[in-house]
N, C-alpha and C. Protein backbone atom coordinates (compact mmCIF):
# COMPACT_ATOMS: atom_id res chain seq x y z
N UNK A 1 100.95 92.01 117.61
CA UNK A 1 101.07 93.12 116.70
C UNK A 1 100.41 94.37 117.25
N UNK A 2 100.57 95.44 116.55
CA UNK A 2 99.97 96.71 116.92
C UNK A 2 98.54 96.75 116.40
N UNK A 3 97.64 97.44 117.08
CA UNK A 3 96.29 97.53 116.56
C UNK A 3 96.26 98.34 115.27
N UNK A 4 95.47 97.91 114.31
CA UNK A 4 95.31 98.65 113.06
C UNK A 4 94.45 99.87 113.29
N UNK A 5 94.39 100.76 112.31
CA UNK A 5 93.52 101.93 112.45
C UNK A 5 92.07 101.48 112.63
N UNK A 6 91.46 101.85 113.72
CA UNK A 6 90.13 101.35 114.06
C UNK A 6 89.09 101.66 113.00
N UNK A 7 89.20 102.80 112.34
CA UNK A 7 88.19 103.16 111.35
C UNK A 7 88.34 102.39 110.04
N UNK A 8 89.46 101.73 109.84
CA UNK A 8 89.70 101.03 108.58
C UNK A 8 89.75 99.51 108.71
N UNK A 9 90.29 99.00 109.81
CA UNK A 9 90.48 97.55 109.91
C UNK A 9 90.55 97.10 111.36
N UNK A 10 89.87 95.99 111.68
CA UNK A 10 90.01 95.43 113.03
C UNK A 10 91.25 94.56 113.16
N UNK A 11 91.92 94.26 112.04
CA UNK A 11 93.08 93.37 112.05
C UNK A 11 94.30 94.10 112.60
N UNK A 12 95.14 93.40 113.37
CA UNK A 12 96.35 94.03 113.89
C UNK A 12 97.41 94.19 112.80
N UNK A 13 98.26 95.18 112.97
CA UNK A 13 99.41 95.36 112.09
C UNK A 13 100.52 94.48 112.62
N UNK A 14 101.10 93.62 111.80
CA UNK A 14 102.15 92.72 112.23
C UNK A 14 103.49 93.27 111.77
N UNK A 15 104.40 93.46 112.71
CA UNK A 15 105.73 93.96 112.40
C UNK A 15 106.74 92.84 112.58
N UNK A 16 107.62 92.67 111.60
CA UNK A 16 108.68 91.68 111.70
C UNK A 16 109.86 92.28 112.45
N UNK A 17 110.74 91.43 112.99
CA UNK A 17 111.93 91.97 113.65
C UNK A 17 112.74 92.82 112.68
N UNK A 18 113.48 93.78 113.21
CA UNK A 18 114.30 94.66 112.38
C UNK A 18 115.44 93.92 111.69
N UNK A 19 116.07 94.62 110.77
CA UNK A 19 117.23 94.05 110.08
C UNK A 19 118.41 93.99 111.05
N UNK A 20 119.25 92.97 110.89
CA UNK A 20 120.43 92.82 111.73
C UNK A 20 121.63 92.53 110.84
N UNK A 21 122.79 93.07 111.17
CA UNK A 21 123.98 92.82 110.36
C UNK A 21 124.25 91.33 110.20
N UNK A 22 124.53 90.91 108.98
CA UNK A 22 124.85 89.52 108.71
C UNK A 22 123.66 88.59 108.55
N UNK A 23 122.46 89.09 108.78
CA UNK A 23 121.26 88.26 108.63
C UNK A 23 120.54 88.62 107.35
N UNK A 24 119.87 87.66 106.71
CA UNK A 24 119.14 87.94 105.47
C UNK A 24 117.97 88.89 105.71
N UNK A 25 117.72 89.71 104.71
CA UNK A 25 116.59 90.64 104.79
C UNK A 25 115.28 89.90 104.56
N UNK A 26 114.20 90.41 105.18
CA UNK A 26 112.86 89.86 104.99
C UNK A 26 111.88 91.02 105.18
N UNK A 27 111.42 91.57 104.05
CA UNK A 27 110.52 92.71 104.14
C UNK A 27 109.79 92.92 102.82
N UNK A 28 108.77 93.76 102.85
CA UNK A 28 108.04 94.15 101.65
C UNK A 28 107.93 95.67 101.65
N UNK A 29 107.88 96.25 100.45
CA UNK A 29 107.77 97.71 100.29
C UNK A 29 106.46 98.01 99.58
N UNK A 30 105.69 98.92 100.15
CA UNK A 30 104.39 99.29 99.59
C UNK A 30 104.38 100.76 99.21
N UNK A 31 103.77 101.08 98.08
CA UNK A 31 103.68 102.46 97.59
C UNK A 31 102.39 103.10 98.10
N UNK A 32 102.41 103.49 99.37
CA UNK A 32 101.26 104.15 100.00
C UNK A 32 101.77 105.31 100.85
N UNK A 33 100.94 106.33 101.06
CA UNK A 33 101.40 107.49 101.83
C UNK A 33 101.48 107.24 103.34
N UNK A 34 100.69 106.28 103.85
CA UNK A 34 100.67 106.02 105.29
C UNK A 34 100.04 104.66 105.56
N UNK A 35 99.99 104.27 106.82
CA UNK A 35 99.46 102.95 107.19
C UNK A 35 97.99 102.81 106.80
N UNK A 36 97.22 103.87 106.92
CA UNK A 36 95.81 103.81 106.53
C UNK A 36 95.68 103.53 105.04
N UNK A 37 96.58 104.08 104.24
CA UNK A 37 96.58 103.82 102.79
C UNK A 37 96.83 102.35 102.50
N UNK A 38 97.70 101.73 103.27
CA UNK A 38 97.97 100.30 103.09
C UNK A 38 96.72 99.49 103.41
N UNK A 39 96.02 99.86 104.46
CA UNK A 39 94.79 99.14 104.82
C UNK A 39 93.75 99.29 103.72
N UNK A 40 93.61 100.50 103.17
CA UNK A 40 92.62 100.75 102.11
C UNK A 40 93.01 100.07 100.79
N UNK A 41 94.27 100.20 100.38
CA UNK A 41 94.71 99.75 99.06
C UNK A 41 95.15 98.30 99.02
N UNK A 42 95.71 97.80 100.10
CA UNK A 42 96.09 96.40 100.19
C UNK A 42 97.33 96.00 99.40
N UNK A 43 97.43 94.69 99.16
CA UNK A 43 98.62 94.10 98.54
C UNK A 43 98.88 94.60 97.13
N UNK A 44 97.89 95.15 96.47
CA UNK A 44 98.08 95.65 95.11
C UNK A 44 99.08 96.78 95.02
N UNK A 45 99.46 97.37 96.17
CA UNK A 45 100.43 98.46 96.17
C UNK A 45 101.85 97.97 96.44
N UNK A 46 102.05 96.66 96.56
CA UNK A 46 103.38 96.12 96.84
C UNK A 46 104.28 96.35 95.63
N UNK A 47 105.45 96.95 95.86
CA UNK A 47 106.39 97.20 94.77
C UNK A 47 107.60 96.28 94.83
N UNK A 48 107.86 95.67 96.00
CA UNK A 48 108.98 94.74 96.11
C UNK A 48 108.84 93.90 97.37
N UNK A 49 109.28 92.63 97.28
CA UNK A 49 109.31 91.74 98.44
C UNK A 49 110.66 91.04 98.46
N UNK A 50 111.30 91.06 99.62
CA UNK A 50 112.59 90.41 99.81
C UNK A 50 112.41 89.36 100.90
N UNK A 51 112.81 88.11 100.62
CA UNK A 51 112.75 87.02 101.59
C UNK A 51 114.10 86.33 101.59
N UNK A 52 114.66 86.14 102.76
CA UNK A 52 115.95 85.47 102.86
C UNK A 52 117.05 86.22 102.12
N UNK A 53 116.93 87.54 102.04
CA UNK A 53 117.93 88.34 101.36
C UNK A 53 117.83 88.35 99.84
N UNK A 54 116.81 87.68 99.28
CA UNK A 54 116.65 87.62 97.83
C UNK A 54 115.37 88.33 97.41
N UNK A 55 115.46 89.09 96.32
CA UNK A 55 114.29 89.75 95.76
C UNK A 55 113.41 88.69 95.13
N UNK A 56 112.20 88.50 95.67
CA UNK A 56 111.31 87.46 95.15
C UNK A 56 110.13 88.04 94.38
N UNK A 57 109.90 89.35 94.50
CA UNK A 57 108.84 90.00 93.74
C UNK A 57 109.23 91.45 93.48
N UNK A 58 109.03 91.87 92.23
CA UNK A 58 109.28 93.26 91.87
C UNK A 58 108.13 93.70 90.98
N UNK A 59 107.33 94.63 91.46
CA UNK A 59 106.19 95.11 90.70
C UNK A 59 106.49 96.39 89.95
N UNK A 60 105.53 96.78 89.13
CA UNK A 60 105.58 98.03 88.37
C UNK A 60 106.85 98.21 87.63
């Protein structure tokens, strides 16, 4: 993964492979202004998660 913002987290940022035609989606959407906001705010900002092309979580 990519290194996280050094001032906020020593943990690496993990990126999943991109979407491909005909393959199921697998991603999460976070309501933050930037990557540093995600590190500060965490999972509580998740507004949707899609696994295997199916919506498995919808917040707010």
